[in-house]
Amino acid sequence: MNKFQTIQKVAEDMGIDISYIRSMIKNKDLTAHKINGYKRIYIDVEEFNNSIKPINSISDEIDLDKFLI
């Protein structure tokens, strides 16, 4: 997998709207990159994945002792 991908490709792969990624860039949650002066904006996929956090943790509510592992 490439380290840098276009906003459109990341949005399609993650199943989210492009405007969400643009908002993250405007709020400085993500860094926009340009490669060799092309007009397309690329983002670091690892940075994007690290910026995604769960709203609430359900792991505290699940008792794993009740399940076969």
N, C-alpha and C. Protein backbone atom coordinates (compact mmCIF):
# COMPACT_ATOMS: atom_id res chain seq x y z
N MET A 1 0.84 -1.18 0.00
CA MET A 1 0.00 0.00 0.00
C MET A 1 0.89 1.25 0.00
N ASN A 2 0.51 2.23 -0.78
CA ASN A 2 1.26 3.47 -0.83
C ASN A 2 1.08 4.26 0.45
N LYS A 3 2.13 4.96 0.84
CA LYS A 3 2.05 5.78 2.04
C LYS A 3 1.15 6.99 1.81
N PHE A 4 1.21 7.57 0.62
CA PHE A 4 0.41 8.73 0.28
C PHE A 4 -0.66 8.34 -0.73
N GLN A 5 -1.89 8.79 -0.49
CA GLN A 5 -2.98 8.55 -1.42
C GLN A 5 -3.80 9.83 -1.54
N THR A 6 -4.54 9.93 -2.65
CA THR A 6 -5.37 11.11 -2.86
C THR A 6 -6.55 11.09 -1.90
N ILE A 7 -7.12 12.26 -1.69
CA ILE A 7 -8.29 12.39 -0.83
C ILE A 7 -9.44 11.52 -1.36
N GLN A 8 -9.62 11.54 -2.66
CA GLN A 8 -10.70 10.77 -3.27
C GLN A 8 -10.53 9.28 -3.01
N LYS A 9 -9.33 8.77 -3.14
CA LYS A 9 -9.06 7.34 -2.96
C LYS A 9 -9.28 6.93 -1.50
N VAL A 10 -8.80 7.74 -0.57
CA VAL A 10 -8.97 7.41 0.85
C VAL A 10 -10.45 7.45 1.23
N ALA A 11 -11.18 8.44 0.73
CA ALA A 11 -12.61 8.54 1.03
C ALA A 11 -13.35 7.34 0.48
N GLU A 12 -13.01 6.92 -0.71
CA GLU A 12 -13.66 5.75 -1.32
C GLU A 12 -13.33 4.48 -0.54
N ASP A 13 -12.08 4.31 -0.17
CA ASP A 13 -11.67 3.10 0.56
C ASP A 13 -12.28 3.03 1.95
N MET A 14 -12.40 4.18 2.62
CA MET A 14 -12.93 4.21 3.98
C MET A 14 -14.46 4.29 4.02
N GLY A 15 -15.08 4.64 2.89
CA GLY A 15 -16.53 4.75 2.84
C GLY A 15 -17.06 6.01 3.50
N ILE A 16 -16.27 7.08 3.42
CA ILE A 16 -16.71 8.36 4.00
C ILE A 16 -16.75 9.41 2.90
N ASP A 17 -17.33 10.56 3.21
CA ASP A 17 -17.44 11.63 2.24
C ASP A 17 -16.13 12.42 2.18
N ILE A 18 -15.82 12.93 1.00
CA ILE A 18 -14.59 13.71 0.80
C ILE A 18 -14.58 14.96 1.67
N SER A 19 -15.74 15.55 1.91
CA SER A 19 -15.80 16.78 2.70
C SER A 19 -15.32 16.56 4.13
N TYR A 20 -15.48 15.34 4.64
CA TYR A 20 -14.99 15.02 5.98
C TYR A 20 -13.47 15.13 6.04
N ILE A 21 -12.79 14.61 5.02
CA ILE A 21 -11.32 14.68 4.97
C ILE A 21 -10.87 16.13 4.78
N ARG A 22 -11.59 16.87 3.94
CA ARG A 22 -11.24 18.29 3.75
C ARG A 22 -11.40 19.07 5.05
N SER A 23 -12.42 18.75 5.83
CA SER A 23 -12.61 19.41 7.13
C SER A 23 -11.46 19.08 8.07
N MET A 24 -10.99 17.85 8.03
CA MET A 24 -9.86 17.45 8.86
C MET A 24 -8.61 18.23 8.49
N ILE A 25 -8.42 18.48 7.20
CA ILE A 25 -7.26 19.27 6.75
C ILE A 25 -7.41 20.72 7.19
N LYS A 26 -8.61 21.30 7.05
CA LYS A 26 -8.83 22.69 7.46
C LYS A 26 -8.65 22.87 8.96
N ASN A 27 -9.04 21.85 9.75
CA ASN A 27 -8.89 21.92 11.20
C ASN A 27 -7.50 21.53 11.67
N LYS A 28 -6.60 21.27 10.72
CA LYS A 28 -5.22 20.89 10.99
C LYS A 28 -5.09 19.57 11.72
N ASP A 29 -6.08 18.68 11.52
CA ASP A 29 -5.98 17.32 12.04
C ASP A 29 -5.18 16.43 11.10
N LEU A 30 -5.13 16.82 9.84
CA LEU A 30 -4.34 16.12 8.82
C LEU A 30 -3.47 17.13 8.08
N THR A 31 -2.34 16.65 7.56
CA THR A 31 -1.45 17.49 6.78
C THR A 31 -1.64 17.18 5.30
N ALA A 32 -1.85 18.22 4.50
CA ALA A 32 -2.00 18.06 3.06
C ALA A 32 -0.62 18.09 2.41
N HIS A 33 -0.41 17.22 1.44
CA HIS A 33 0.87 17.13 0.73
C HIS A 33 0.62 17.26 -0.76
N LYS A 34 1.58 17.89 -1.45
CA LYS A 34 1.57 17.92 -2.91
C LYS A 34 2.85 17.24 -3.38
N ILE A 35 2.71 16.42 -4.39
CA ILE A 35 3.85 15.67 -4.90
C ILE A 35 4.25 16.23 -6.25
N ASN A 36 5.48 16.71 -6.34
CA ASN A 36 6.06 17.23 -7.58
C ASN A 36 5.23 18.32 -8.22
N GLY A 37 4.54 19.13 -7.44
CA GLY A 37 3.81 20.27 -7.96
C GLY A 37 2.51 19.95 -8.66
N TYR A 38 2.05 18.71 -8.60
CA TYR A 38 0.76 18.36 -9.20
C TYR A 38 -0.36 19.00 -8.41
N LYS A 39 -1.53 19.15 -9.03
CA LYS A 39 -2.66 19.83 -8.39
C LYS A 39 -3.34 18.96 -7.35
N ARG A 40 -3.21 17.66 -7.44
CA ARG A 40 -3.88 16.78 -6.49
C ARG A 40 -3.25 16.88 -5.11
N ILE A 41 -4.11 16.77 -4.11
CA ILE A 41 -3.65 16.80 -2.73
C ILE A 41 -3.61 15.36 -2.22
N TYR A 42 -2.50 15.03 -1.60
CA TYR A 42 -2.30 13.70 -1.05
C TYR A 42 -2.26 13.79 0.47
N ILE A 43 -2.68 12.72 1.12
CA ILE A 43 -2.56 12.65 2.57
C ILE A 43 -1.83 11.37 2.94
N ASP A 44 -1.21 11.40 4.10
CA ASP A 44 -0.50 10.25 4.63
C ASP A 44 -1.54 9.30 5.23
N VAL A 45 -1.62 8.09 4.70
CA VAL A 45 -2.64 7.14 5.12
C VAL A 45 -2.43 6.75 6.58
N GLU A 46 -1.19 6.60 7.01
CA GLU A 46 -0.92 6.24 8.41
C GLU A 46 -1.37 7.36 9.35
N GLU A 47 -1.13 8.60 8.97
CA GLU A 47 -1.57 9.74 9.78
C GLU A 47 -3.10 9.77 9.87
N PHE A 48 -3.76 9.48 8.76
CA PHE A 48 -5.22 9.44 8.74
C PHE A 48 -5.74 8.35 9.67
N ASN A 49 -5.18 7.15 9.55
CA ASN A 49 -5.63 6.03 10.39
C ASN A 49 -5.38 6.30 11.88
N ASN A 50 -4.29 6.98 12.20
CA ASN A 50 -4.00 7.30 13.60
C ASN A 50 -4.90 8.39 14.15
N SER A 51 -5.48 9.21 13.27
CA SER A 51 -6.34 10.30 13.73
C SER A 51 -7.76 9.84 14.02
N ILE A 52 -8.12 8.64 13.56
CA ILE A 52 -9.46 8.10 13.80
C ILE A 52 -9.51 7.49 15.19
N LYS A 53 -10.41 8.00 16.01
CA LYS A 53 -10.57 7.52 17.38
C LYS A 53 -12.03 7.13 17.60
N PRO A 54 -12.27 6.10 18.41
CA PRO A 54 -13.66 5.74 18.71
C PRO A 54 -14.32 6.79 19.61
N ILE A 55 -15.62 6.95 19.46
CA ILE A 55 -16.35 7.91 20.28
C ILE A 55 -16.45 7.41 21.71
N ASN A 56 -16.80 6.15 21.86
CA ASN A 56 -16.84 5.55 23.19
C ASN A 56 -16.27 4.14 23.09
N SER A 57 -15.73 3.69 24.18
CA SER A 57 -15.12 2.37 24.18
C SER A 57 -16.12 1.34 24.69
N ILE A 58 -16.45 0.37 23.83
CA ILE A 58 -17.38 -0.67 24.26
C ILE A 58 -16.64 -1.83 24.91
N SER A 59 -15.30 -1.79 24.86
CA SER A 59 -14.55 -2.90 25.44
C SER A 59 -14.75 -2.98 26.96
N ASP A 60 -15.10 -1.87 27.61
CA ASP A 60 -15.36 -1.89 29.04
C ASP A 60 -16.68 -2.59 29.34
N GLU A 61 -17.60 -2.56 28.40
CA GLU A 61 -18.93 -3.14 28.61
C GLU A 61 -18.98 -4.63 28.28
N ILE A 62 -18.02 -5.14 27.55
CA ILE A 62 -18.04 -6.53 27.12
C ILE A 62 -17.23 -7.38 28.11
N ASP A 63 -17.87 -8.41 28.63
CA ASP A 63 -17.20 -9.34 29.52
C ASP A 63 -16.68 -10.50 28.68
N LEU A 64 -15.39 -10.52 28.39
CA LEU A 64 -14.81 -11.52 27.51
C LEU A 64 -14.80 -12.92 28.12
N ASP A 65 -15.00 -13.03 29.41
CA ASP A 65 -15.05 -14.34 30.06
C ASP A 65 -16.28 -15.15 29.63
N LYS A 66 -17.29 -14.48 29.10
CA LYS A 66 -18.50 -15.15 28.67
C LYS A 66 -18.39 -15.75 27.27
N PHE A 67 -17.29 -15.48 26.58
CA PHE A 67 -17.12 -15.92 25.20
C PHE A 67 -15.96 -16.89 25.09
N LEU A 68 -16.07 -17.82 24.15
CA LEU A 68 -14.97 -18.74 23.87
C LEU A 68 -13.95 -18.04 23.00
N ILE A 69 -12.73 -18.11 23.41
CA ILE A 69 -11.67 -17.46 22.63
C ILE A 69 -10.63 -18.50 22.25
